[in-house]
Amino acid sequence: MRRLPFLFALVTLAGCTTVFDAPFREARPVETDEALSWWRLPDRSGRFEPEIAPLPARVPVRIIERRALPLPPQDLLERLRRGFAMPDLNTARVRKRQSWYVQRPQLTQRMFERSALYLYHILEEVEKRQLPTEIALIPFIESGFDPQATSEARAAGIWQFVPFTATQYNLKLDAVQDERRDIVASTNAALDYLEFLYRMFGDWPLALASYNWGENAVSRVIERNRALGRSIRFEHLPLPEETLDYVPKLQAIKNIVLNPGAFGLELPPLPNRPYFAAVTPGASLKVADAARLAGMTLGEFLALNPSFTNHVIPRRNRIILPVDRLVFFEARFDEYRRRPVR
């Protein structure tokens, strides 16, 4: 009797398996239901043979080759190349900017080396929004990937936000922090702004020109050209020299990334993996102490955390650390917090 529940479960499972594996049977006579052949001797009557005639011998059978999906690139620059989608610009200004970078190989090398800290994060965010990956190259021409860069127009950070636009896109500017220099916050704001500009103009060169000069100024020039019956393409607009050079600069960097050897340049390897991660200590901390606890020099720490303006990290603020420093920092920070206050 003890075997009855086991036998019942076994029969139930067998029945379920048969029904699950069988074709859809609604409105089909039982005697032609091939699912029941599980419980019969092999059928030799011919009733269950397929009614489809075999292919003639002269018709070749095509074998579909199974192709493996391409592996993700090991190199970040290759990942960038795969996502390029903006229309190419081929003008004298592009060639002039290419020559400028080629004639300064050490400067170009230094920019790419600095980008190694931030480019993976930026590319991740660009791809999440399904934007052309040329967007990730903008900090090359805005700041050379220097988060401490400041312009005469008071633009700051790798994306070079002026104070007015920064506050429009919710970047904090106060006595404690200037988020224009915060890598994560400023990247989110820049991509928000660029998406807005693209929706406004429906054209990447015009969106990029607006990022440089302002959308209202570009709109006025477009309307003026339209009223005169002239082209409103980027290269035909009467823009300031700096703005006319803006898209060609981006195209020049794009061309160098596509084929550095053609320009006699050798770019540093950029691994396709995250360089940094965020951690929230949960306690107020001096910048110098945070660097020491992470086992970093002050310069190394500030390269990832350049936004703190009074050398103190507020209690609720996150900090950015290299991935390989996180565990080290957390262990030493726990010791730091347990120390008795003197």
Protein backbone atom coordinates (compact mmCIF):
# COMPACT_ATOMS: atom_id res chain seq x y z
CA MET A 1 0.00 0.00 0.00
CA ARG A 2 2.90 2.31 0.64
CA ARG A 3 3.75 2.07 -3.03
CA LEU A 4 0.40 3.43 -4.18
CA PRO A 5 1.21 7.19 -3.87
CA PHE A 6 4.50 6.62 -5.70
CA LEU A 7 2.77 4.64 -8.50
CA PHE A 8 0.04 7.26 -8.78
CA ALA A 9 2.64 10.05 -9.10
CA LEU A 10 4.55 8.04 -11.68
CA VAL A 11 1.44 7.44 -13.82
CA THR A 12 0.44 11.10 -13.46
CA LEU A 13 3.87 12.30 -14.57
CA ALA A 14 3.89 9.88 -17.47
CA GLY A 15 0.48 11.09 -18.58
CA CYS A 16 1.55 14.73 -18.28
CA THR A 17 4.66 14.09 -20.31
CA THR A 18 2.66 12.50 -23.11
CA VAL A 19 0.18 15.36 -23.31
CA PHE A 20 2.94 18.01 -23.08
CA ASP A 21 5.00 16.46 -25.87
CA ALA A 22 2.07 15.77 -28.17
CA PRO A 23 0.97 18.16 -30.95
CA PHE A 24 -2.17 20.25 -30.42
CA ARG A 25 -5.07 17.78 -30.59
CA GLU A 26 -8.29 19.78 -30.41
CA ALA A 27 -10.98 18.66 -32.94
CA ARG A 28 -8.91 15.69 -34.15
CA PRO A 29 -10.30 12.11 -34.16
CA VAL A 30 -8.72 9.85 -31.57
CA GLU A 31 -7.85 7.13 -34.08
CA THR A 32 -5.52 9.47 -35.98
CA ASP A 33 -3.84 10.94 -32.93
CA GLU A 34 -0.18 10.03 -33.25
CA ALA A 35 0.40 10.94 -29.60
CA LEU A 36 -1.31 7.66 -28.69
CA SER A 37 1.42 5.71 -30.51
CA TRP A 38 3.38 5.97 -27.26
CA TRP A 39 1.06 3.20 -25.99
CA ARG A 40 0.89 1.08 -29.15
CA LEU A 41 3.07 -1.41 -30.93
CA PRO A 42 4.95 0.08 -33.90
CA ASP A 43 2.40 0.92 -36.57
CA ARG A 44 2.89 -0.79 -39.94
CA SER A 45 -0.47 0.10 -41.48
CA GLY A 46 0.77 3.26 -43.11
CA ARG A 47 -1.96 5.32 -41.43
CA PHE A 48 0.56 7.49 -39.57
CA GLU A 49 3.02 8.08 -42.38
CA PRO A 50 3.46 11.73 -43.43
CA GLU A 51 1.35 12.78 -46.40
CA ILE A 52 4.09 15.09 -47.76
CA ALA A 53 5.82 13.61 -50.78
CA PRO A 54 9.62 13.34 -50.58
CA LEU A 55 11.67 15.95 -52.41
CA PRO A 56 12.73 15.02 -55.94
CA ALA A 57 16.32 13.85 -56.17
CA ARG A 58 17.27 16.81 -58.39
CA VAL A 59 16.38 19.41 -55.72
CA PRO A 60 19.51 20.13 -53.65
CA VAL A 61 19.05 20.16 -49.90
CA ARG A 62 20.45 23.34 -48.35
CA ILE A 63 22.33 22.91 -45.11
CA ILE A 64 22.00 25.98 -42.91
CA GLU A 65 25.32 26.79 -41.34
CA ARG A 66 25.14 27.67 -37.66
CA ARG A 67 27.30 30.71 -37.10
CA ALA A 68 28.48 31.63 -33.65
CA LEU A 69 27.67 35.13 -32.46
CA PRO A 70 30.69 37.44 -32.48
CA LEU A 71 32.49 37.60 -29.16
CA PRO A 72 32.46 40.95 -27.35
CA PRO A 73 35.59 42.93 -28.19
CA GLN A 74 38.46 42.80 -25.73
CA ASP A 75 39.53 46.31 -26.72
CA LEU A 76 37.39 49.33 -25.86
CA LEU A 77 38.31 51.13 -29.07
CA GLU A 78 37.03 48.20 -31.12
CA ARG A 79 33.77 48.38 -29.18
CA LEU A 80 33.60 52.07 -30.05
CA ARG A 81 34.16 51.35 -33.74
CA ARG A 82 31.31 48.85 -33.84
CA GLY A 83 28.83 51.49 -32.66
CA PHE A 84 29.80 54.38 -34.94
CA ALA A 85 26.62 55.50 -36.69
CA MET A 86 26.86 59.23 -37.47
CA PRO A 87 27.24 60.33 -41.08
CA ASP A 88 30.89 60.95 -41.97
CA LEU A 89 32.10 64.43 -42.81
CA ASN A 90 34.89 64.75 -45.37
CA THR A 91 35.99 68.38 -45.64
CA ALA A 92 39.15 70.45 -45.59
CA ARG A 93 38.44 71.33 -41.96
CA VAL A 94 38.44 67.62 -41.02
CA ARG A 95 41.78 67.09 -42.75
CA LYS A 96 43.19 70.17 -41.01
CA ARG A 97 42.15 68.87 -37.58
CA GLN A 98 43.57 65.41 -38.35
CA SER A 99 46.91 67.03 -39.17
CA TRP A 100 46.77 68.96 -35.89
CA TYR A 101 46.49 65.74 -33.86
CA VAL A 102 49.07 63.90 -35.98
CA GLN A 103 51.60 66.71 -35.44
CA ARG A 104 51.13 66.37 -31.66
CA PRO A 105 51.46 62.60 -31.06
CA GLN A 106 52.41 62.99 -27.38
CA LEU A 107 49.36 65.14 -26.66
CA THR A 108 47.11 62.70 -28.53
CA GLN A 109 48.64 59.77 -26.64
CA ARG A 110 48.11 61.56 -23.31
CA MET A 111 44.43 62.21 -24.08
CA PHE A 112 43.80 58.55 -24.84
CA GLU A 113 45.67 57.49 -21.69
CA ARG A 114 43.49 59.83 -19.58
CA SER A 115 40.36 58.49 -21.26
CA ALA A 116 41.14 54.98 -19.92
CA LEU A 117 39.71 56.01 -16.52
CA TYR A 118 36.34 57.19 -17.84
CA LEU A 119 35.66 55.84 -21.33
CA TYR A 120 34.20 52.46 -20.32
CA HIS A 121 31.60 54.12 -18.10
CA ILE A 122 30.69 56.70 -20.75
CA LEU A 123 30.38 54.08 -23.47
CA GLU A 124 28.16 51.94 -21.23
CA GLU A 125 25.81 54.88 -20.69
CA VAL A 126 25.81 55.80 -24.40
CA GLU A 127 24.94 52.23 -25.39
CA LYS A 128 22.16 51.99 -22.78
CA ARG A 129 20.49 54.93 -24.52
CA GLN A 130 21.18 53.44 -27.97
CA LEU A 131 23.06 56.53 -29.09
CA PRO A 132 25.84 56.54 -31.70
CA THR A 133 29.11 55.75 -29.96
CA GLU A 134 30.73 58.85 -31.47
CA ILE A 135 29.06 60.62 -28.52
CA ALA A 136 31.61 58.98 -26.21
CA LEU A 137 34.38 60.84 -28.10
CA ILE A 138 33.04 64.32 -27.25
CA PRO A 139 35.21 64.72 -24.09
CA PHE A 140 38.28 64.37 -26.34
CA ILE A 141 37.42 67.63 -28.08
CA GLU A 142 35.81 69.36 -25.09
CA SER A 143 38.46 68.79 -22.43
CA GLY A 144 40.97 66.17 -23.56
CA PHE A 145 39.37 64.01 -20.84
CA ASP A 146 40.75 66.29 -18.14
CA PRO A 147 38.12 66.64 -15.37
CA GLN A 148 39.94 69.71 -14.01
CA ALA A 149 39.64 71.56 -17.35
CA THR A 150 38.09 75.03 -17.14
CA SER A 151 37.43 77.38 -20.06
CA GLU A 152 37.36 81.18 -20.30
CA ALA A 153 33.56 80.92 -20.51
CA ARG A 154 33.57 79.20 -17.05
CA ALA A 155 32.80 75.79 -18.52
CA ALA A 156 34.15 72.96 -16.38
CA GLY A 157 34.67 69.20 -16.33
CA ILE A 158 35.19 66.66 -19.09
CA TRP A 159 31.87 67.66 -20.73
CA GLN A 160 32.52 71.41 -20.23
CA PHE A 161 29.21 72.55 -18.76
CA VAL A 162 28.75 76.28 -18.19
CA PRO A 163 26.96 77.10 -14.90
CA PHE A 164 23.60 77.96 -16.50
CA THR A 165 23.29 74.71 -18.49
CA ALA A 166 24.60 72.71 -15.52
CA THR A 167 21.79 73.93 -13.26
CA GLN A 168 19.25 73.29 -16.04
CA TYR A 169 20.35 69.65 -16.04
CA ASN A 170 20.35 69.29 -12.23
CA LEU A 171 24.08 69.39 -11.62
CA LYS A 172 24.86 70.62 -8.12
CA LEU A 173 27.12 73.68 -7.82
CA ASP A 174 27.72 74.80 -4.25
CA ALA A 175 30.39 75.23 -1.59
CA VAL A 176 30.66 71.47 -1.15
CA GLN A 177 30.56 70.06 -4.66
CA ASP A 178 30.73 71.06 -8.32
CA GLU A 179 29.05 68.17 -10.13
CA ARG A 180 30.19 69.44 -13.52
CA ARG A 181 33.44 67.68 -12.56
CA ASP A 182 31.69 64.55 -11.25
CA ILE A 183 32.22 61.86 -13.89
CA VAL A 184 28.94 59.99 -13.31
CA ALA A 185 26.64 62.99 -12.78
CA SER A 186 28.08 65.08 -15.62
CA THR A 187 27.91 62.16 -18.06
CA ASN A 188 24.22 61.65 -17.30
CA ALA A 189 23.55 65.36 -17.74
CA ALA A 190 25.51 65.56 -21.01
CA LEU A 191 23.65 62.62 -22.52
CA ASP A 192 20.31 64.10 -21.42
CA TYR A 193 21.25 67.37 -23.10
CA LEU A 194 22.45 65.71 -26.30
CA GLU A 195 19.27 63.63 -26.55
CA PHE A 196 17.23 66.83 -26.17
CA LEU A 197 19.25 68.53 -28.91
CA TYR A 198 18.87 65.61 -31.29
CA ARG A 199 15.10 65.52 -30.75
CA MET A 200 15.04 69.26 -31.45
CA PHE A 201 17.03 69.20 -34.70
CA GLY A 202 16.75 65.59 -35.91
CA ASP A 203 20.35 65.84 -37.09
CA TRP A 204 23.56 64.98 -35.23
CA PRO A 205 25.84 67.66 -36.75
CA LEU A 206 23.30 70.35 -35.82
CA ALA A 207 22.85 68.83 -32.35
CA LEU A 208 26.63 68.87 -31.82
CA ALA A 209 26.91 72.45 -33.08
CA SER A 210 24.21 73.39 -30.55
CA TYR A 211 26.07 71.62 -27.77
CA ASN A 212 28.98 73.91 -28.56
CA TRP A 213 27.20 77.19 -29.32
CA GLY A 214 23.72 76.81 -27.83
CA GLU A 215 20.47 75.62 -29.36
CA ASN A 216 18.88 79.06 -29.55
CA ALA A 217 21.81 80.54 -31.48
CA VAL A 218 21.86 77.62 -33.93
CA SER A 219 18.06 77.84 -34.38
CA ARG A 220 18.30 81.52 -35.31
CA VAL A 221 20.96 80.82 -37.94
CA ILE A 222 18.90 77.96 -39.40
CA GLU A 223 15.80 80.17 -39.67
CA ARG A 224 17.84 82.91 -41.34
CA ASN A 225 19.20 80.50 -43.95
CA ARG A 226 15.76 79.01 -44.49
CA ALA A 227 14.25 82.48 -45.07
CA LEU A 228 16.95 83.18 -47.69
CA GLY A 229 16.31 79.84 -49.42
CA ARG A 230 19.73 78.51 -48.46
CA SER A 231 20.83 75.10 -47.20
CA ILE A 232 20.40 74.45 -43.50
CA ARG A 233 22.99 71.68 -43.38
CA PHE A 234 25.68 72.14 -40.74
CA GLU A 235 28.48 72.82 -43.22
CA HIS A 236 26.44 75.55 -44.98
CA LEU A 237 25.49 77.58 -41.92
CA PRO A 238 27.25 80.86 -41.02
CA LEU A 239 28.50 79.67 -37.63
CA PRO A 240 31.38 80.96 -35.47
CA GLU A 241 34.79 79.49 -36.32
CA GLU A 242 34.91 77.45 -33.11
CA THR A 243 31.55 75.86 -33.92
CA LEU A 244 32.45 75.27 -37.57
CA ASP A 245 35.50 73.38 -36.28
CA TYR A 246 33.55 71.41 -33.67
CA VAL A 247 32.12 68.59 -35.80
CA PRO A 248 35.33 68.33 -37.89
CA LYS A 249 37.30 67.85 -34.64
CA LEU A 250 34.99 65.00 -33.64
CA GLN A 251 35.29 63.48 -37.12
CA ALA A 252 39.09 63.73 -36.92
CA ILE A 253 39.16 61.83 -33.60
CA LYS A 254 36.73 59.28 -35.03
CA ASN A 255 39.00 58.74 -38.07
CA ILE A 256 42.02 58.28 -35.79
CA VAL A 257 40.13 55.70 -33.68
CA LEU A 258 39.05 53.89 -36.84
CA ASN A 259 42.58 53.54 -38.20
CA PRO A 260 45.36 54.99 -36.03
CA GLY A 261 48.05 53.32 -38.15
CA ALA A 262 46.99 55.33 -41.20
CA PHE A 263 48.02 58.46 -39.29
CA GLY A 264 51.26 57.02 -37.95
CA LEU A 265 49.81 56.89 -34.43
CA GLU A 266 49.86 54.07 -31.90
CA LEU A 267 47.07 54.33 -29.36
CA PRO A 268 47.38 52.77 -25.88
CA PRO A 269 45.44 49.55 -25.22
CA LEU A 270 42.12 50.25 -23.51
CA PRO A 271 40.66 47.06 -21.96
CA ASN A 272 36.93 46.58 -22.40
CA ARG A 273 36.14 46.30 -18.71
CA PRO A 274 35.06 48.75 -15.99
CA TYR A 275 37.83 50.79 -14.43
CA PHE A 276 35.91 52.21 -11.46
CA ALA A 277 32.93 51.58 -9.22
CA ALA A 278 31.04 53.72 -6.72
CA VAL A 279 30.89 53.29 -2.95
CA THR A 280 29.08 55.36 -0.30
CA PRO A 281 31.14 55.46 2.92
CA GLY A 282 28.19 56.64 5.03
CA ALA A 283 30.31 59.07 7.03
CA SER A 284 31.88 62.44 6.44
CA LEU A 285 35.47 62.04 5.32
CA LYS A 286 38.35 64.26 4.28
CA VAL A 287 39.46 63.80 0.69
CA ALA A 288 43.05 63.19 1.80
CA ASP A 289 41.91 60.50 4.27
CA ALA A 290 39.78 58.80 1.62
CA ALA A 291 42.76 58.66 -0.74
CA ARG A 292 44.96 57.19 2.01
CA LEU A 293 42.37 54.57 2.98
CA ALA A 294 42.11 53.51 -0.67
CA GLY A 295 45.89 53.21 -0.96
CA MET A 296 45.97 55.93 -3.64
CA THR A 297 47.89 59.13 -4.05
CA LEU A 298 45.86 62.31 -3.70
CA GLY A 299 46.28 62.94 -7.44
CA GLU A 300 45.00 59.48 -8.34
CA PHE A 301 42.00 59.92 -6.05
CA LEU A 302 41.15 63.38 -7.40
CA ALA A 303 41.31 62.13 -10.99
CA LEU A 304 38.22 60.06 -10.16
CA ASN A 305 36.71 62.42 -7.56
CA PRO A 306 37.42 65.96 -8.75
CA SER A 307 34.07 67.47 -7.74
CA PHE A 308 34.59 68.06 -4.00
CA THR A 309 35.32 71.76 -3.67
CA ASN A 310 36.22 72.08 0.03
CA HIS A 311 38.27 68.87 0.45
CA VAL A 312 35.53 67.17 2.47
CA ILE A 313 33.26 64.34 1.30
CA PRO A 314 29.78 64.71 2.83
CA ARG A 315 28.31 61.73 4.66
CA ARG A 316 25.77 60.73 1.98
CA ASN A 317 27.99 61.28 -1.03
CA ARG A 318 29.41 58.43 -3.07
CA ILE A 319 33.04 58.26 -4.06
CA ILE A 320 34.55 56.64 -7.12
CA LEU A 321 37.38 54.12 -6.72
CA PRO A 322 39.21 51.76 -9.06
CA VAL A 323 37.55 48.35 -9.02
CA ASP A 324 40.67 46.73 -7.56
CA ARG A 325 40.70 49.22 -4.64
CA LEU A 326 37.15 48.70 -3.37
CA VAL A 327 37.74 45.79 -0.98
CA PHE A 328 40.95 47.37 0.29
CA PHE A 329 39.16 50.68 0.99
CA GLU A 330 36.18 49.06 2.72
CA ALA A 331 38.39 47.02 5.04
CA ARG A 332 40.52 49.99 6.05
CA PHE A 333 37.50 52.29 6.33
CA ASP A 334 35.89 49.92 8.85
CA GLU A 335 39.06 50.10 10.94
CA TYR A 336 39.08 53.89 10.56
CA ARG A 337 35.51 54.18 11.89
CA ARG A 338 36.22 51.93 14.87
CA ARG A 339 39.11 54.08 16.08
CA PRO A 340 38.37 55.92 19.32
CA VAL A 341 37.86 59.65 18.92
CA ARG A 342 40.70 61.60 20.51
